[in-house]
Amino acid sequence: MATFESKKVIVNAPCEKVYDFMADFNNFEKLLPSQVSQWEATTDSCSFKIEGIGNLAMRIASKTPHRQINIVSEGNNPVNFMLDCYFYNYDQENCEIEFILDAELTSFMKMVASSPLQNFVDMLADKIKELFD
């Protein structure tokens, strides 16, 4: 299992608001790169295609209100993964957020995919910060 931790970012909104946004996959598309196509979502699951990678699907496995969202891969993904979103109260008006991705990667895949996966979790953090600024 390979682990990729985003940088922690401070979002210009209370944790409740950021959590509510992240807890609905209908909003998640706003965080993804332009290479994403064929986006489909419900509140608790989504599927899409990423150019050069293939089709991906995931679902929310568990939620701890205003603290954590656990997302897992679903179906026939090229890689099985788990993505955790952590929300920390920074102060009354701001939330600190962090993304941690655990992926089942072979040694070869780890060499090839480590940089793009690290960039992905950092991009999620940057995009959520931008959305609330």
C-alpha atoms as a PDB file:
ATOM      1  CA  MET A   1       0.000   0.000   0.000  1.00  0.00           C
ATOM      2  CA  ALA A   2       1.358   3.410  -0.961  1.00  0.00           C
ATOM      3  CA  THR A   3       0.242   6.515   0.930  1.00  0.00           C
ATOM      4  CA  PHE A   4       0.075  10.035  -0.480  1.00  0.00           C
ATOM      5  CA  GLU A   5      -0.680  12.956   1.851  1.00  0.00           C
ATOM      6  CA  SER A   6      -1.696  16.357   0.547  1.00  0.00           C
ATOM      7  CA  LYS A   7      -0.413  19.522   2.038  1.00  0.00           C
ATOM      8  CA  LYS A   8      -2.792  20.873   4.671  1.00  0.00           C
ATOM      9  CA  VAL A   9      -4.612  23.963   3.450  1.00  0.00           C
ATOM     10  CA  ILE A  10      -6.703  26.510   5.269  1.00  0.00           C
ATOM     11  CA  VAL A  11     -10.052  27.028   3.583  1.00  0.00           C
ATOM     12  CA  ASN A  12     -11.882  30.322   3.950  1.00  0.00           C
ATOM     13  CA  ALA A  13     -15.083  28.726   5.313  1.00  0.00           C
ATOM     14  CA  PRO A  14     -16.233  26.886   8.448  1.00  0.00           C
ATOM     15  CA  CYS A  15     -15.670  23.116   8.507  1.00  0.00           C
ATOM     16  CA  GLU A  16     -19.436  22.501   8.378  1.00  0.00           C
ATOM     17  CA  LYS A  17     -19.711  24.268   5.028  1.00  0.00           C
ATOM     18  CA  VAL A  18     -16.632  22.585   3.514  1.00  0.00           C
ATOM     19  CA  TYR A  19     -17.722  19.186   4.830  1.00  0.00           C
ATOM     20  CA  ASP A  20     -21.238  19.603   3.380  1.00  0.00           C
ATOM     21  CA  PHE A  21     -19.717  20.441  -0.012  1.00  0.00           C
ATOM     22  CA  MET A  22     -17.375  17.431   0.046  1.00  0.00           C
ATOM     23  CA  ALA A  23     -20.044  15.039   1.374  1.00  0.00           C
ATOM     24  CA  ASP A  24     -21.995  15.283  -1.913  1.00  0.00           C
ATOM     25  CA  PHE A  25     -20.315  13.776  -4.983  1.00  0.00           C
ATOM     26  CA  ASN A  26     -22.413  16.058  -7.191  1.00  0.00           C
ATOM     27  CA  ASN A  27     -19.922  18.781  -6.141  1.00  0.00           C
ATOM     28  CA  PHE A  28     -16.761  16.712  -6.562  1.00  0.00           C
ATOM     29  CA  GLU A  29     -16.430  17.327 -10.309  1.00  0.00           C
ATOM     30  CA  LYS A  30     -15.427  20.940  -9.533  1.00  0.00           C
ATOM     31  CA  LEU A  31     -12.252  19.592  -7.902  1.00  0.00           C
ATOM     32  CA  LEU A  32     -11.119  17.376 -10.775  1.00  0.00           C
ATOM     33  CA  PRO A  33      -8.730  18.179 -13.631  1.00  0.00           C
ATOM     34  CA  SER A  34      -9.846  19.019 -17.156  1.00  0.00           C
ATOM     35  CA  GLN A  35      -8.855  15.534 -18.397  1.00  0.00           C
ATOM     36  CA  VAL A  36     -11.989  14.145 -16.719  1.00  0.00           C
ATOM     37  CA  SER A  37     -14.897  13.213 -18.981  1.00  0.00           C
ATOM     38  CA  GLN A  38     -18.053  11.094 -18.807  1.00  0.00           C
ATOM     39  CA  TRP A  39     -18.802  12.396 -15.284  1.00  0.00           C
ATOM     40  CA  GLU A  40     -21.773  10.774 -13.510  1.00  0.00           C
ATOM     41  CA  ALA A  41     -22.625  11.272  -9.852  1.00  0.00           C
ATOM     42  CA  THR A  42     -25.140  10.713  -7.104  1.00  0.00           C
ATOM     43  CA  THR A  43     -24.773  12.036  -3.587  1.00  0.00           C
ATOM     44  CA  ASP A  44     -22.717   9.007  -2.478  1.00  0.00           C
ATOM     45  CA  SER A  45     -20.991   7.700  -5.636  1.00  0.00           C
ATOM     46  CA  CYS A  46     -19.461   8.801  -8.896  1.00  0.00           C
ATOM     47  CA  SER A  47     -17.798   7.474 -12.016  1.00  0.00           C
ATOM     48  CA  PHE A  48     -15.724   9.173 -14.683  1.00  0.00           C
ATOM     49  CA  LYS A  49     -12.993   8.683 -17.239  1.00  0.00           C
ATOM     50  CA  ILE A  50      -9.529  10.218 -17.007  1.00  0.00           C
ATOM     51  CA  GLU A  51      -7.642  10.600 -20.248  1.00  0.00           C
ATOM     52  CA  GLY A  52      -4.666   8.246 -20.276  1.00  0.00           C
ATOM     53  CA  ILE A  53      -5.800   6.302 -17.185  1.00  0.00           C
ATOM     54  CA  GLY A  54      -9.255   4.905 -17.903  1.00  0.00           C
ATOM     55  CA  ASN A  55     -12.581   4.616 -16.113  1.00  0.00           C
ATOM     56  CA  LEU A  56     -12.766   5.151 -12.364  1.00  0.00           C
ATOM     57  CA  ALA A  57     -15.593   4.766  -9.880  1.00  0.00           C
ATOM     58  CA  MET A  58     -15.769   5.536  -6.179  1.00  0.00           C
ATOM     59  CA  ARG A  59     -18.236   5.836  -3.358  1.00  0.00           C
ATOM     60  CA  ILE A  60     -18.412   7.359   0.077  1.00  0.00           C
ATOM     61  CA  ALA A  61     -17.896   4.495   2.508  1.00  0.00           C
ATOM     62  CA  SER A  62     -18.321   6.439   5.729  1.00  0.00           C
ATOM     63  CA  LYS A  63     -18.721   9.949   7.104  1.00  0.00           C
ATOM     64  CA  THR A  64     -18.035  11.531  10.462  1.00  0.00           C
ATOM     65  CA  PRO A  65     -19.891  14.855  10.304  1.00  0.00           C
ATOM     66  CA  HIS A  66     -17.580  17.844  10.009  1.00  0.00           C
ATOM     67  CA  ARG A  67     -14.487  15.658  10.712  1.00  0.00           C
ATOM     68  CA  GLN A  68     -13.849  13.012   8.037  1.00  0.00           C
ATOM     69  CA  ILE A  69     -15.114  11.489   4.786  1.00  0.00           C
ATOM     70  CA  ASN A  70     -13.835   8.078   3.696  1.00  0.00           C
ATOM     71  CA  ILE A  71     -14.042   7.404  -0.058  1.00  0.00           C
ATOM     72  CA  VAL A  72     -13.231   4.015  -1.589  1.00  0.00           C
ATOM     73  CA  SER A  73     -12.736   2.762  -5.110  1.00  0.00           C
ATOM     74  CA  GLU A  74     -15.602   0.757  -6.509  1.00  0.00           C
ATOM     75  CA  GLY A  75     -15.933  -1.627  -9.402  1.00  0.00           C
ATOM     76  CA  ASN A  76     -13.268  -2.339 -11.986  1.00  0.00           C
ATOM     77  CA  ASN A  77     -10.729   0.446 -11.391  1.00  0.00           C
ATOM     78  CA  PRO A  78      -7.148   0.197 -12.650  1.00  0.00           C
ATOM     79  CA  VAL A  79      -6.053   0.674  -9.000  1.00  0.00           C
ATOM     80  CA  ASN A  80      -7.867   0.014  -5.731  1.00  0.00           C
ATOM     81  CA  PHE A  81      -7.651   2.998  -3.421  1.00  0.00           C
ATOM     82  CA  MET A  82      -9.054   4.738  -0.375  1.00  0.00           C
ATOM     83  CA  LEU A  83      -9.212   8.532  -0.104  1.00  0.00           C
ATOM     84  CA  ASP A  84      -9.735  10.153   3.286  1.00  0.00           C
ATOM     85  CA  CYS A  85     -10.690  13.810   3.655  1.00  0.00           C
ATOM     86  CA  TYR A  86      -9.954  15.256   7.090  1.00  0.00           C
ATOM     87  CA  PHE A  87     -11.460  18.500   8.371  1.00  0.00           C
ATOM     88  CA  TYR A  88      -9.882  20.394  11.273  1.00  0.00           C
ATOM     89  CA  ASN A  89     -11.326  23.515  12.894  1.00  0.00           C
ATOM     90  CA  TYR A  90      -8.736  26.216  12.370  1.00  0.00           C
ATOM     91  CA  ASP A  91     -10.890  28.916  13.937  1.00  0.00           C
ATOM     92  CA  GLN A  92     -14.598  29.825  13.838  1.00  0.00           C
ATOM     93  CA  GLU A  93     -14.466  31.001  10.244  1.00  0.00           C
ATOM     94  CA  ASN A  94     -11.813  28.753   8.673  1.00  0.00           C
ATOM     95  CA  CYS A  95     -11.257  25.056   8.187  1.00  0.00           C
ATOM     96  CA  GLU A  96      -8.022  23.185   7.650  1.00  0.00           C
ATOM     97  CA  ILE A  97      -8.356  20.254   5.268  1.00  0.00           C
ATOM     98  CA  GLU A  98      -6.088  17.374   4.304  1.00  0.00           C
ATOM     99  CA  PHE A  99      -6.445  14.510   1.820  1.00  0.00           C
ATOM    100  CA  ILE A 100      -4.756  11.122   2.311  1.00  0.00           C
ATOM    101  CA  LEU A 101      -4.812   8.583  -0.518  1.00  0.00           C
ATOM    102  CA  ASP A 102      -3.873   4.941   0.079  1.00  0.00           C
ATOM    103  CA  ALA A 103      -3.445   2.967  -3.145  1.00  0.00           C
ATOM    104  CA  GLU A 104      -2.636  -0.663  -3.824  1.00  0.00           C
ATOM    105  CA  LEU A 105       0.320  -0.345  -6.178  1.00  0.00           C
ATOM    106  CA  THR A 106       2.860  -2.847  -7.416  1.00  0.00           C
ATOM    107  CA  SER A 107       6.508  -1.767  -7.185  1.00  0.00           C
ATOM    108  CA  PHE A 108       6.486  -0.821 -10.868  1.00  0.00           C
ATOM    109  CA  MET A 109       3.199   1.077 -10.587  1.00  0.00           C
ATOM    110  CA  LYS A 110       4.523   2.912  -7.546  1.00  0.00           C
ATOM    111  CA  MET A 111       7.497   4.162  -9.576  1.00  0.00           C
ATOM    112  CA  VAL A 112       5.242   5.290 -12.415  1.00  0.00           C
ATOM    113  CA  ALA A 113       2.259   6.602 -10.447  1.00  0.00           C
ATOM    114  CA  SER A 114       3.776   8.167  -7.312  1.00  0.00           C
ATOM    115  CA  SER A 115       4.307  11.617  -8.754  1.00  0.00           C
ATOM    116  CA  PRO A 116       0.874  11.873 -10.452  1.00  0.00           C
ATOM    117  CA  LEU A 117      -0.912  10.598  -7.313  1.00  0.00           C
ATOM    118  CA  GLN A 118       0.931  13.054  -5.072  1.00  0.00           C
ATOM    119  CA  ASN A 119       0.066  15.831  -7.523  1.00  0.00           C
ATOM    120  CA  PHE A 120      -3.569  14.674  -7.457  1.00  0.00           C
ATOM    121  CA  VAL A 121      -4.006  14.975  -3.684  1.00  0.00           C
ATOM    122  CA  ASP A 122      -2.211  18.335  -3.660  1.00  0.00           C
ATOM    123  CA  MET A 123      -4.451  19.505  -6.514  1.00  0.00           C
ATOM    124  CA  LEU A 124      -7.565  18.503  -4.529  1.00  0.00           C
ATOM    125  CA  ALA A 125      -6.326  20.603  -1.612  1.00  0.00           C
ATOM    126  CA  ASP A 126      -5.548  23.580  -3.865  1.00  0.00           C
ATOM    127  CA  LYS A 127      -8.918  23.369  -5.657  1.00  0.00           C
ATOM    128  CA  ILE A 128     -11.002  23.186  -2.479  1.00  0.00           C
ATOM    129  CA  LYS A 129      -9.114  26.207  -1.142  1.00  0.00           C
ATOM    130  CA  GLU A 130      -9.736  28.129  -4.415  1.00  0.00           C
ATOM    131  CA  LEU A 131     -13.451  27.316  -4.392  1.00  0.00           C
ATOM    132  CA  PHE A 132     -13.969  28.970  -1.015  1.00  0.00           C
ATOM    133  CA  ASP A 133     -11.635  31.956  -1.476  1.00  0.00           C
END
